[in-house]
Amino acid sequence: MIKAGNLKEYEELIKSVKMVPSYVSDICEKFILSLCLVLSIAEGRMQSEDMPPELREKIRNVCGQKPIFVLVITQSKADWVCHIQDALNLSLRKFEKTNHIKVIVLTAEQAKSKGLVHTFTPMPVS
């Protein structure tokens, strides 16, 4: 498992991810950095006073949890989802095994039906 602040393990993992299309490696890097950020907050190495108290408490109690990375693709065809999920799983295989993570890729419609995202009307820019 990658510990927060372990630069050598992070660099090795990112090198292994770089052999795939750039958009897949970009997504993988964002997943890994997100997990490192959560671990840093959980370990108390990063300040979290700006967060809502309920979120801060959930992050501090992250030990023993299995992370799930969810990617919502807003402009895609349904058949792209399985290919992108396969590419992410392949790129993160070593990371998945050591950290017991799960990767899920959804279309916007699937995410809405599961209640993960809500539609909103953007404010006009003046």
Protein backbone atom coordinates (compact mmCIF):
# COMPACT_ATOMS: atom_id res chain seq x y z
CA MET A 1 0.00 0.00 0.00
CA ILE A 2 1.27 3.45 -0.85
CA LYS A 3 1.65 5.55 2.27
CA ALA A 4 1.12 9.28 2.06
CA GLY A 5 4.43 10.98 1.37
CA ASN A 6 6.17 7.90 -0.12
CA LEU A 7 7.50 9.62 -3.23
CA LYS A 8 9.49 6.63 -4.54
CA GLU A 9 6.46 4.29 -4.65
CA TYR A 10 4.36 7.03 -6.23
CA GLU A 11 6.95 7.68 -8.97
CA GLU A 12 7.23 3.95 -9.77
CA LEU A 13 3.47 3.67 -10.03
CA ILE A 14 3.16 6.71 -12.29
CA LYS A 15 5.93 5.34 -14.58
CA SER A 16 3.98 2.11 -15.00
CA VAL A 17 0.83 4.07 -15.87
CA LYS A 18 2.55 6.19 -18.56
CA MET A 19 2.57 3.34 -21.12
CA VAL A 20 -1.14 3.73 -21.89
CA PRO A 21 -3.06 6.47 -23.74
CA SER A 22 -2.56 9.85 -22.12
CA TYR A 23 -6.18 10.26 -21.03
CA VAL A 24 -6.05 6.94 -19.16
CA SER A 25 -2.77 7.82 -17.42
CA ASP A 26 -4.18 11.26 -16.54
CA ILE A 27 -7.24 9.69 -14.93
CA CYS A 28 -5.09 7.13 -13.07
CA GLU A 29 -2.82 9.86 -11.77
CA LYS A 30 -5.82 11.84 -10.50
CA PHE A 31 -7.19 8.73 -8.74
CA ILE A 32 -3.83 8.07 -7.06
CA LEU A 33 -3.35 11.70 -6.02
CA SER A 34 -6.89 11.78 -4.61
CA LEU A 35 -6.18 8.71 -2.49
CA CYS A 36 -2.86 10.19 -1.31
CA LEU A 37 -4.67 13.40 -0.33
CA VAL A 38 -7.29 11.48 1.66
CA LEU A 39 -4.58 9.44 3.39
CA SER A 40 -2.65 12.60 4.27
CA ILE A 41 -5.75 14.12 5.85
CA ALA A 42 -6.55 10.86 7.66
CA GLU A 43 -3.01 10.70 9.08
CA GLY A 44 -3.26 14.32 10.23
CA ARG A 45 -0.43 15.45 7.95
CA MET A 46 -2.69 17.92 6.14
CA GLN A 47 -5.03 20.40 7.73
CA SER A 48 -8.73 19.87 7.14
CA GLU A 49 -10.35 22.71 9.06
CA ASP A 50 -11.92 24.14 5.89
CA MET A 51 -13.94 20.95 5.35
CA PRO A 52 -17.43 20.33 6.68
CA PRO A 53 -17.15 18.46 10.02
CA GLU A 54 -19.04 15.37 8.78
CA LEU A 55 -16.69 14.94 5.81
CA ARG A 56 -13.63 15.53 8.00
CA GLU A 57 -14.83 12.79 10.39
CA LYS A 58 -15.43 10.32 7.53
CA ILE A 59 -11.92 10.93 6.17
CA ARG A 60 -10.31 10.50 9.59
CA ASN A 61 -12.06 7.13 9.94
CA VAL A 62 -10.88 5.88 6.55
CA CYS A 63 -8.65 3.09 7.93
CA GLY A 64 -9.84 -0.34 6.88
CA GLN A 65 -12.08 1.04 4.12
CA LYS A 66 -11.78 -0.12 0.53
CA PRO A 67 -11.59 2.89 -1.79
CA ILE A 68 -13.87 3.03 -4.82
CA PHE A 69 -12.92 5.37 -7.64
CA VAL A 70 -15.89 6.45 -9.77
CA LEU A 71 -15.39 8.10 -13.13
CA VAL A 72 -18.49 9.67 -14.69
CA ILE A 73 -18.18 10.30 -18.41
CA THR A 74 -20.63 12.96 -19.49
CA GLN A 75 -20.23 12.78 -23.26
CA SER A 76 -19.79 9.18 -24.25
CA LYS A 77 -21.42 6.25 -25.88
CA ALA A 78 -22.46 3.45 -23.56
CA ASP A 79 -20.09 0.97 -25.25
CA TRP A 80 -17.07 3.19 -24.45
CA VAL A 81 -17.55 2.69 -20.73
CA CYS A 82 -16.39 -0.95 -20.62
CA HIS A 83 -13.29 -0.17 -22.73
CA ILE A 84 -12.29 2.76 -20.53
CA GLN A 85 -12.93 0.74 -17.37
CA ASP A 86 -10.80 -2.12 -18.73
CA ALA A 87 -7.95 0.30 -19.59
CA LEU A 88 -8.10 1.84 -16.10
CA ASN A 89 -8.16 -1.57 -14.41
CA LEU A 90 -5.20 -2.72 -16.50
CA SER A 91 -3.22 0.43 -15.72
CA LEU A 92 -4.00 0.29 -12.01
CA ARG A 93 -3.66 -3.50 -11.61
CA LYS A 94 -0.65 -3.37 -9.26
CA PHE A 95 -2.18 -0.49 -7.32
CA GLU A 96 -5.57 -2.26 -7.11
CA LYS A 97 -4.07 -5.42 -5.63
CA THR A 98 -2.02 -3.70 -2.94
CA ASN A 99 -4.66 -1.13 -1.97
CA HIS A 100 -7.82 -3.20 -2.54
CA ILE A 101 -9.44 -0.48 -4.65
CA LYS A 102 -12.27 -0.75 -7.12
CA VAL A 103 -12.75 1.32 -10.27
CA ILE A 104 -16.20 2.04 -11.69
CA VAL A 105 -16.86 3.95 -14.91
CA LEU A 106 -20.38 5.24 -15.56
CA THR A 107 -22.16 7.33 -18.15
CA ALA A 108 -23.94 10.46 -16.95
CA GLU A 109 -27.30 8.69 -17.23
CA GLN A 110 -26.09 5.76 -15.13
CA ALA A 111 -24.69 8.13 -12.49
CA LYS A 112 -27.98 10.06 -12.36
CA SER A 113 -30.00 6.87 -11.98
CA LYS A 114 -27.80 5.82 -9.03
CA GLY A 115 -28.13 9.26 -7.43
CA LEU A 116 -24.41 10.05 -7.72
CA VAL A 117 -24.88 13.27 -9.69
CA HIS A 118 -27.67 15.79 -10.03
CA THR A 119 -28.47 18.04 -12.92
CA PHE A 120 -28.17 21.74 -12.43
CA THR A 121 -28.59 24.82 -14.53
CA PRO A 122 -25.34 26.77 -14.78
CA MET A 123 -25.52 30.48 -14.03
CA PRO A 124 -25.09 32.67 -17.09
CA VAL A 125 -21.73 34.33 -17.46
CA SER A 126 -21.96 38.08 -17.93
